[in-house]
């Protein structure tokens, strides 16, 4: 999980988490947003990437 980032008004927090998928060399990175207390947790985007994508 990445470090949470708060919206400028403090009403929302965003973060991402990684999950493995069927291919062990590929990860699903899911972006989430919620209230600071965790209420209303919503996945807003999914991206598939390999662990070395950050090198490119």
PDB file of N, CA and C in Angstrom:
ATOM      1  N   UNK A   1       0.838  -1.162   0.000  1.00  0.00           N
ATOM      2  CA  UNK A   1       0.000   0.000   0.000  1.00  0.00           C
ATOM      3  C   UNK A   1       0.893   1.238   0.000  1.00  0.00           C
ATOM      4  N   UNK A   2       0.456   2.245  -0.748  1.00  0.00           N
ATOM      5  CA  UNK A   2       1.209   3.498  -0.782  1.00  0.00           C
ATOM      6  C   UNK A   2       0.766   4.404   0.360  1.00  0.00           C
ATOM      7  N   UNK A   3       1.555   5.398   0.610  1.00  0.00           N
ATOM      8  CA  UNK A   3       1.221   6.371   1.654  1.00  0.00           C
ATOM      9  C   UNK A   3      -0.020   7.153   1.217  1.00  0.00           C
ATOM     10  N   UNK A   4      -1.013   7.284   2.083  1.00  0.00           N
ATOM     11  CA  UNK A   4      -2.237   8.010   1.715  1.00  0.00           C
ATOM     12  C   UNK A   4      -1.961   9.486   1.437  1.00  0.00           C
ATOM     13  N   UNK A   5      -2.742  10.042   0.531  1.00  0.00           N
ATOM     14  CA  UNK A   5      -2.655  11.456   0.184  1.00  0.00           C
ATOM     15  C   UNK A   5      -4.038  12.067   0.416  1.00  0.00           C
ATOM     16  N   UNK A   6      -4.089  13.138   1.191  1.00  0.00           N
ATOM     17  CA  UNK A   6      -5.357  13.796   1.483  1.00  0.00           C
ATOM     18  C   UNK A   6      -5.687  14.842   0.423  1.00  0.00           C
ATOM     19  N   UNK A   7      -6.982  14.997   0.160  1.00  0.00           N
ATOM     20  CA  UNK A   7      -7.432  16.048  -0.743  1.00  0.00           C
ATOM     21  C   UNK A   7      -7.172  17.401  -0.079  1.00  0.00           C
ATOM     22  N   UNK A   8      -7.101  18.471  -0.875  1.00  0.00           N
ATOM     23  CA  UNK A   8      -6.822  19.791  -0.296  1.00  0.00           C
ATOM     24  C   UNK A   8      -7.812  20.205   0.801  1.00  0.00           C
ATOM     25  N   UNK A   9      -9.074  19.788   0.685  1.00  0.00           N
ATOM     26  CA  UNK A   9     -10.062  20.163   1.704  1.00  0.00           C
ATOM     27  C   UNK A   9     -10.116  19.163   2.867  1.00  0.00           C
ATOM     28  N   UNK A  10      -9.328  18.083   2.804  1.00  0.00           N
ATOM     29  CA  UNK A  10      -9.266  17.105   3.877  1.00  0.00           C
ATOM     30  C   UNK A  10     -10.447  16.154   3.964  1.00  0.00           C
ATOM     31  N   UNK A  11     -11.355  16.210   2.985  1.00  0.00           N
ATOM     32  CA  UNK A  11     -12.558  15.382   3.036  1.00  0.00           C
ATOM     33  C   UNK A  11     -12.361  13.994   2.444  1.00  0.00           C
ATOM     34  N   UNK A  12     -11.290  13.789   1.683  1.00  0.00           N
ATOM     35  CA  UNK A  12     -11.034  12.502   1.043  1.00  0.00           C
ATOM     36  C   UNK A  12      -9.567  12.122   1.181  1.00  0.00           C
ATOM     37  N   UNK A  13      -9.315  10.837   1.072  1.00  0.00           N
ATOM     38  CA  UNK A  13      -7.950  10.333   1.072  1.00  0.00           C
ATOM     39  C   UNK A  13      -7.831   9.350  -0.092  1.00  0.00           C
ATOM     40  N   UNK A  14      -6.698   9.371  -0.770  1.00  0.00           N
ATOM     41  CA  UNK A  14      -6.453   8.467  -1.893  1.00  0.00           C
ATOM     42  C   UNK A  14      -5.192   7.658  -1.608  1.00  0.00           C
ATOM     43  N   UNK A  15      -5.191   6.417  -2.068  1.00  0.00           N
ATOM     44  CA  UNK A  15      -4.024   5.553  -1.918  1.00  0.00           C
ATOM     45  C   UNK A  15      -4.124   4.430  -2.934  1.00  0.00           C
ATOM     46  N   UNK A  16      -3.041   3.711  -3.121  1.00  0.00           N
ATOM     47  CA  UNK A  16      -3.068   2.563  -4.026  1.00  0.00           C
ATOM     48  C   UNK A  16      -2.550   1.337  -3.292  1.00  0.00           C
ATOM     49  N   UNK A  17      -2.955   0.183  -3.789  1.00  0.00           N
ATOM     50  CA  UNK A  17      -2.517  -1.087  -3.226  1.00  0.00           C
ATOM     51  C   UNK A  17      -2.236  -2.043  -4.382  1.00  0.00           C
ATOM     52  N   UNK A  18      -1.291  -2.946  -4.176  1.00  0.00           N
ATOM     53  CA  UNK A  18      -0.924  -3.926  -5.189  1.00  0.00           C
ATOM     54  C   UNK A  18      -1.462  -5.296  -4.828  1.00  0.00           C
ATOM     55  N   UNK A  19      -1.871  -6.045  -5.850  1.00  0.00           N
ATOM     56  CA  UNK A  19      -2.300  -7.428  -5.688  1.00  0.00           C
ATOM     57  C   UNK A  19      -1.643  -8.236  -6.796  1.00  0.00           C
ATOM     58  N   UNK A  20      -1.323  -9.490  -6.519  1.00  0.00           N
ATOM     59  CA  UNK A  20      -0.834 -10.354  -7.584  1.00  0.00           C
ATOM     60  C   UNK A  20      -2.042 -10.891  -8.351  1.00  0.00           C
ATOM     61  N   UNK A  21      -1.828 -11.177  -9.609  1.00  0.00           N
ATOM     62  CA  UNK A  21      -2.875 -11.751 -10.460  1.00  0.00           C
ATOM     63  C   UNK A  21      -2.402 -13.119 -10.930  1.00  0.00           C
ATOM     64  N   UNK A  22      -3.077 -13.708 -11.898  1.00  0.00           N
ATOM     65  CA  UNK A  22      -2.746 -15.067 -12.321  1.00  0.00           C
ATOM     66  C   UNK A  22      -1.313 -15.209 -12.835  1.00  0.00           C
ATOM     67  N   UNK A  23      -0.767 -14.173 -13.456  1.00  0.00           N
ATOM     68  CA  UNK A  23       0.623 -14.182 -13.908  1.00  0.00           C
ATOM     69  C   UNK A  23       1.490 -13.684 -12.754  1.00  0.00           C
ATOM     70  N   UNK A  24       2.361 -14.514 -12.202  1.00  0.00           N
ATOM     71  CA  UNK A  24       3.139 -14.093 -11.027  1.00  0.00           C
ATOM     72  C   UNK A  24       4.100 -12.930 -11.287  1.00  0.00           C
ATOM     73  N   UNK A  25       4.344 -12.601 -12.556  1.00  0.00           N
ATOM     74  CA  UNK A  25       5.236 -11.488 -12.883  1.00  0.00           C
ATOM     75  C   UNK A  25       4.484 -10.182 -13.130  1.00  0.00           C
ATOM     76  N   UNK A  26       3.180 -10.193 -12.946  1.00  0.00           N
ATOM     77  CA  UNK A  26       2.360  -9.010 -13.186  1.00  0.00           C
ATOM     78  C   UNK A  26       1.564  -8.690 -11.930  1.00  0.00           C
ATOM     79  N   UNK A  27       1.409  -7.422 -11.657  1.00  0.00           N
ATOM     80  CA  UNK A  27       0.676  -6.970 -10.481  1.00  0.00           C
ATOM     81  C   UNK A  27      -0.481  -6.078 -10.892  1.00  0.00           C
ATOM     82  N   UNK A  28      -1.537  -6.121 -10.117  1.00  0.00           N
ATOM     83  CA  UNK A  28      -2.665  -5.216 -10.285  1.00  0.00           C
ATOM     84  C   UNK A  28      -2.488  -4.095  -9.284  1.00  0.00           C
ATOM     85  N   UNK A  29      -2.426  -2.884  -9.778  1.00  0.00           N
ATOM     86  CA  UNK A  29      -2.361  -1.715  -8.901  1.00  0.00           C
ATOM     87  C   UNK A  29      -3.744  -1.079  -8.914  1.00  0.00           C
ATOM     88  N   UNK A  30      -4.387  -1.053  -7.780  1.00  0.00           N
ATOM     89  CA  UNK A  30      -5.741  -0.514  -7.664  1.00  0.00           C
ATOM     90  C   UNK A  30      -5.679   0.784  -6.873  1.00  0.00           C
ATOM     91  N   UNK A  31      -6.286   1.834  -7.439  1.00  0.00           N
ATOM     92  CA  UNK A  31      -6.339   3.138  -6.778  1.00  0.00           C
ATOM     93  C   UNK A  31      -7.671   3.273  -6.048  1.00  0.00           C
ATOM     94  N   UNK A  32      -7.610   3.750  -4.807  1.00  0.00           N
ATOM     95  CA  UNK A  32      -8.795   3.891  -3.968  1.00  0.00           C
ATOM     96  C   UNK A  32      -8.960   5.319  -3.482  1.00  0.00           C
ATOM     97  N   UNK A  33     -10.208   5.671  -3.170  1.00  0.00           N
ATOM     98  CA  UNK A  33     -10.518   6.928  -2.508  1.00  0.00           C
ATOM     99  C   UNK A  33     -11.555   6.625  -1.432  1.00  0.00           C
ATOM    100  N   UNK A  34     -11.465   7.347  -0.308  1.00  0.00           N
ATOM    101  CA  UNK A  34     -12.426   7.173   0.784  1.00  0.00           C
ATOM    102  C   UNK A  34     -12.434   8.418   1.654  1.00  0.00           C
ATOM    103  N   UNK A  35     -13.330   8.416   2.630  1.00  0.00           N
ATOM    104  CA  UNK A  35     -13.292   9.436   3.669  1.00  0.00           C
ATOM    105  C   UNK A  35     -12.111   9.110   4.578  1.00  0.00           C
ATOM    106  N   UNK A  36     -11.594  10.073   5.331  1.00  0.00           N
ATOM    107  CA  UNK A  36     -10.447   9.804   6.209  1.00  0.00           C
ATOM    108  C   UNK A  36     -10.675   8.665   7.208  1.00  0.00           C
ATOM    109  N   UNK A  37     -11.929   8.416   7.591  1.00  0.00           N
ATOM    110  CA  UNK A  37     -12.211   7.328   8.531  1.00  0.00           C
ATOM    111  C   UNK A  37     -12.415   5.982   7.834  1.00  0.00           C
ATOM    112  N   UNK A  38     -12.233   5.941   6.500  1.00  0.00           N
ATOM    113  CA  UNK A  38     -12.376   4.704   5.736  1.00  0.00           C
ATOM    114  C   UNK A  38     -13.764   4.490   5.159  1.00  0.00           C
ATOM    115  N   UNK A  39     -14.720   5.330   5.522  1.00  0.00           N
ATOM    116  CA  UNK A  39     -16.079   5.196   5.000  1.00  0.00           C
ATOM    117  C   UNK A  39     -16.105   5.487   3.503  1.00  0.00           C
ATOM    118  N   UNK A  40     -16.949   4.779   2.800  1.00  0.00           N
ATOM    119  CA  UNK A  40     -17.127   5.023   1.370  1.00  0.00           C
ATOM    120  C   UNK A  40     -15.956   4.599   0.515  1.00  0.00           C
ATOM    121  N   UNK A  41     -15.214   3.601   0.957  1.00  0.00           N
ATOM    122  CA  UNK A  41     -14.053   3.136   0.190  1.00  0.00           C
ATOM    123  C   UNK A  41     -14.492   2.733  -1.214  1.00  0.00           C
ATOM    124  N   UNK A  42     -13.846   3.324  -2.224  1.00  0.00           N
ATOM    125  CA  UNK A  42     -14.201   3.074  -3.615  1.00  0.00           C
ATOM    126  C   UNK A  42     -12.941   2.878  -4.445  1.00  0.00           C
ATOM    127  N   UNK A  43     -12.901   1.789  -5.215  1.00  0.00           N
ATOM    128  CA  UNK A  43     -11.813   1.595  -6.181  1.00  0.00           C
ATOM    129  C   UNK A  43     -12.122   2.452  -7.393  1.00  0.00           C
ATOM    130  N   UNK A  44     -11.181   3.310  -7.783  1.00  0.00           N
ATOM    131  CA  UNK A  44     -11.454   4.230  -8.892  1.00  0.00           C
ATOM    132  C   UNK A  44     -10.688   3.901 -10.164  1.00  0.00           C
ATOM    133  N   UNK A  45      -9.652   3.063 -10.071  1.00  0.00           N
ATOM    134  CA  UNK A  45      -8.885   2.711 -11.266  1.00  0.00           C
ATOM    135  C   UNK A  45      -8.054   1.462 -11.007  1.00  0.00           C
ATOM    136  N   UNK A  46      -7.871   0.669 -12.049  1.00  0.00           N
ATOM    137  CA  UNK A  46      -6.997  -0.505 -12.012  1.00  0.00           C
ATOM    138  C   UNK A  46      -5.969  -0.372 -13.123  1.00  0.00           C
ATOM    139  N   UNK A  47      -4.730  -0.704 -12.818  1.00  0.00           N
ATOM    140  CA  UNK A  47      -3.701  -0.765 -13.843  1.00  0.00           C
ATOM    141  C   UNK A  47      -2.918  -2.051 -13.647  1.00  0.00           C
ATOM    142  N   UNK A  48      -2.519  -2.659 -14.732  1.00  0.00           N
ATOM    143  CA  UNK A  48      -1.689  -3.858 -14.666  1.00  0.00           C
ATOM    144  C   UNK A  48      -0.279  -3.462 -15.040  1.00  0.00           C
ATOM    145  N   UNK A  49       0.669  -3.916 -14.258  1.00  0.00           N
ATOM    146  CA  UNK A  49       2.051  -3.555 -14.542  1.00  0.00           C
ATOM    147  C   UNK A  49       2.985  -4.649 -14.066  1.00  0.00           C
ATOM    148  N   UNK A  50       4.145  -4.662 -14.661  1.00  0.00           N
ATOM    149  CA  UNK A  50       5.197  -5.563 -14.221  1.00  0.00           C
ATOM    150  C   UNK A  50       6.051  -4.817 -13.203  1.00  0.00           C
ATOM    151  N   UNK A  51       6.715  -5.525 -12.283  1.00  0.00           N
ATOM    152  CA  UNK A  51       7.484  -4.855 -11.242  1.00  0.00           C
ATOM    153  C   UNK A  51       8.538  -3.886 -11.754  1.00  0.00           C
ATOM    154  N   UNK A  52       9.012  -4.055 -12.979  1.00  0.00           N
ATOM    155  CA  UNK A  52      10.065  -3.185 -13.499  1.00  0.00           C
ATOM    156  C   UNK A  52       9.526  -2.042 -14.352  1.00  0.00           C
ATOM    157  N   UNK A  53       8.210  -1.844 -14.432  1.00  0.00           N
ATOM    158  CA  UNK A  53       7.648  -0.760 -15.234  1.00  0.00           C
ATOM    159  C   UNK A  53       8.195   0.606 -14.833  1.00  0.00           C
ATOM    160  N   UNK A  54       8.568   0.765 -13.578  1.00  0.00           N
ATOM    161  CA  UNK A  54       9.087   2.052 -13.126  1.00  0.00           C
ATOM    162  C   UNK A  54      10.449   2.365 -13.732  1.00  0.00           C
ATOM    163  N   UNK A  55      11.127   1.369 -14.296  1.00  0.00           N
ATOM    164  CA  UNK A  55      12.428   1.615 -14.924  1.00  0.00           C
ATOM    165  C   UNK A  55      12.287   2.295 -16.284  1.00  0.00           C
ATOM    166  N   UNK A  56      11.145   2.105 -16.932  1.00  0.00           N
ATOM    167  CA  UNK A  56      10.938   2.602 -18.276  1.00  0.00           C
ATOM    168  C   UNK A  56      10.708   4.062 -18.312  1.00  0.00           C
TER     169      UNK A  56
END
